[in-house]
Amino acid sequence: MLKSQDVRRFQERLKTERDAIESRIATNKHGIQETVQDDSGVGDSGDESNLLYEREAEIDENARDQKELAQVNRALDRIEQGTYGLSEVSGKPIPIERLEAVPYATTLVDERPPEAE
């Protein structure tokens, strides 16, 4: 079981991560909007391809950030509920080393699905 000081430390780390992700999402959203606006004056097909590639990359990055933000918010909710650091599968404590690596982890390493994280 995690000590209360560890939980507070993870809570602060998760809040910092949440703020950083939200900032990236806002910046990326602005970049996507600019790319769409710039699209109206495209000169040739090469320029158009570059703009489409940039837009797709920004959209993919935004999707990853949205997923990570949901995981961070879920971890913060679990802290409030008193279940942070416990596996959602087995209820066993998640090792602090795993939480240091992935602070929003919800399972033990051997319990997670192969495609997760």
Protein backbone atom coordinates (compact mmCIF):
# COMPACT_ATOMS: atom_id res chain seq x y z
CA MET A 1 0.00 0.00 0.00
CA LEU A 2 1.24 3.49 -0.83
CA LYS A 3 2.09 5.92 1.93
CA SER A 4 0.05 9.12 2.02
CA GLN A 5 3.14 11.17 1.16
CA ASP A 6 3.65 9.01 -1.95
CA VAL A 7 0.03 9.52 -2.97
CA ARG A 8 0.39 13.30 -2.56
CA ARG A 9 3.59 13.24 -4.63
CA PHE A 10 1.87 11.28 -7.41
CA GLN A 11 -1.14 13.58 -7.22
CA GLU A 12 1.09 16.63 -7.78
CA ARG A 13 2.91 14.87 -10.61
CA LEU A 14 -0.36 13.91 -12.26
CA LYS A 15 -1.72 17.46 -11.95
CA THR A 16 1.46 18.79 -13.55
CA GLU A 17 1.13 16.24 -16.36
CA ARG A 18 -2.54 17.15 -16.81
CA ASP A 19 -1.69 20.83 -17.13
CA ALA A 20 1.07 20.10 -19.67
CA ILE A 21 -1.21 17.87 -21.74
CA GLU A 22 -4.03 20.42 -21.69
CA SER A 23 -1.56 23.07 -22.84
CA ARG A 24 -0.36 20.83 -25.70
CA ILE A 25 -3.95 20.14 -26.73
CA ALA A 26 -4.76 23.86 -26.81
CA THR A 27 -1.60 24.64 -28.79
CA ASN A 28 -2.23 21.76 -31.18
CA LYS A 29 -5.85 22.81 -31.67
CA HIS A 30 -4.65 26.27 -32.63
CA GLY A 31 -2.12 24.73 -35.04
CA ILE A 32 -4.78 22.56 -36.67
CA GLN A 33 -7.02 25.59 -37.14
CA GLU A 34 -4.14 27.52 -38.73
CA THR A 35 -3.37 24.60 -41.04
CA VAL A 36 -7.00 24.50 -42.16
CA GLN A 37 -6.99 28.26 -42.79
CA ASP A 38 -3.67 28.04 -44.69
CA ASP A 39 -5.18 25.29 -46.85
CA SER A 40 -7.23 27.81 -48.81
CA GLY A 41 -4.17 29.31 -50.51
CA VAL A 42 -2.31 26.12 -51.43
CA GLY A 43 -0.07 26.60 -54.47
CA ASP A 44 0.57 23.12 -55.84
CA SER A 45 -0.08 19.48 -55.07
CA GLY A 46 3.23 19.16 -53.18
CA ASP A 47 2.22 21.99 -50.87
CA GLU A 48 -1.18 20.40 -50.43
CA SER A 49 0.39 17.04 -49.57
CA ASN A 50 2.62 18.68 -46.98
CA LEU A 51 -0.33 20.46 -45.39
CA LEU A 52 -2.36 17.26 -45.29
CA TYR A 53 0.56 15.38 -43.72
CA GLU A 54 1.01 18.11 -41.09
CA ARG A 55 -2.70 18.14 -40.32
CA GLU A 56 -2.83 14.35 -39.94
CA ALA A 57 0.22 14.38 -37.66
CA GLU A 58 -1.35 17.10 -35.50
CA ILE A 59 -4.64 15.20 -35.33
CA ASP A 60 -2.82 11.97 -34.35
CA GLU A 61 -0.84 13.80 -31.66
CA ASN A 62 -4.05 15.37 -30.37
CA ALA A 63 -5.72 11.95 -30.17
CA ARG A 64 -2.77 10.56 -28.17
CA ASP A 65 -2.89 13.56 -25.86
CA GLN A 66 -6.65 13.18 -25.35
CA LYS A 67 -6.17 9.50 -24.45
CA GLU A 68 -3.35 10.30 -22.02
CA LEU A 69 -5.38 13.14 -20.48
CA ALA A 70 -8.27 10.73 -19.84
CA GLN A 71 -5.86 8.30 -18.15
CA VAL A 72 -4.37 11.06 -15.99
CA ASN A 73 -7.82 12.32 -14.99
CA ARG A 74 -8.85 8.76 -14.18
CA ALA A 75 -5.79 8.38 -11.93
CA LEU A 76 -6.64 11.66 -10.17
CA ASP A 77 -10.20 10.38 -9.65
CA ARG A 78 -8.80 7.16 -8.19
CA ILE A 79 -6.73 9.20 -5.74
CA GLU A 80 -9.90 10.97 -4.60
CA GLN A 81 -11.68 7.62 -4.25
CA GLY A 82 -8.80 6.07 -2.31
CA THR A 83 -8.16 3.35 -4.90
CA TYR A 84 -5.03 4.80 -6.52
CA GLY A 85 -2.16 2.34 -6.65
CA LEU A 86 -4.41 -0.72 -6.57
CA SER A 87 -4.89 -2.91 -9.61
CA GLU A 88 -8.33 -2.64 -11.18
CA VAL A 89 -8.03 -6.31 -12.14
CA SER A 90 -6.82 -8.03 -8.98
CA GLY A 91 -6.97 -5.32 -6.31
CA LYS A 92 -3.30 -5.97 -5.54
CA PRO A 93 -0.97 -3.03 -4.91
CA ILE A 94 0.80 -1.74 -8.01
CA PRO A 95 4.54 -1.54 -7.30
CA ILE A 96 5.76 2.00 -6.76
CA GLU A 97 8.38 1.45 -9.49
CA ARG A 98 5.59 0.91 -12.01
CA LEU A 99 3.77 4.02 -10.83
CA GLU A 100 7.01 5.99 -11.10
CA ALA A 101 7.27 4.88 -14.74
CA VAL A 102 3.54 5.17 -15.55
CA PRO A 103 1.77 7.19 -12.85
CA TYR A 104 -1.65 6.50 -14.36
CA ALA A 105 -1.14 2.71 -14.42
CA THR A 106 -4.26 0.81 -13.37
CA THR A 107 -2.94 -2.75 -13.47
CA LEU A 108 0.11 -4.80 -12.66
CA VAL A 109 2.48 -5.33 -15.59
CA ASP A 110 1.43 -8.97 -16.04
CA GLU A 111 -2.28 -8.05 -15.95
CA ARG A 112 -2.34 -5.43 -18.69
CA PRO A 113 -3.54 -6.32 -22.17
CA PRO A 114 -0.73 -6.67 -24.73
CA GLU A 115 -1.81 -3.57 -26.69
CA ALA A 116 -2.11 -1.35 -23.61
CA GLU A 117 0.30 1.47 -22.79
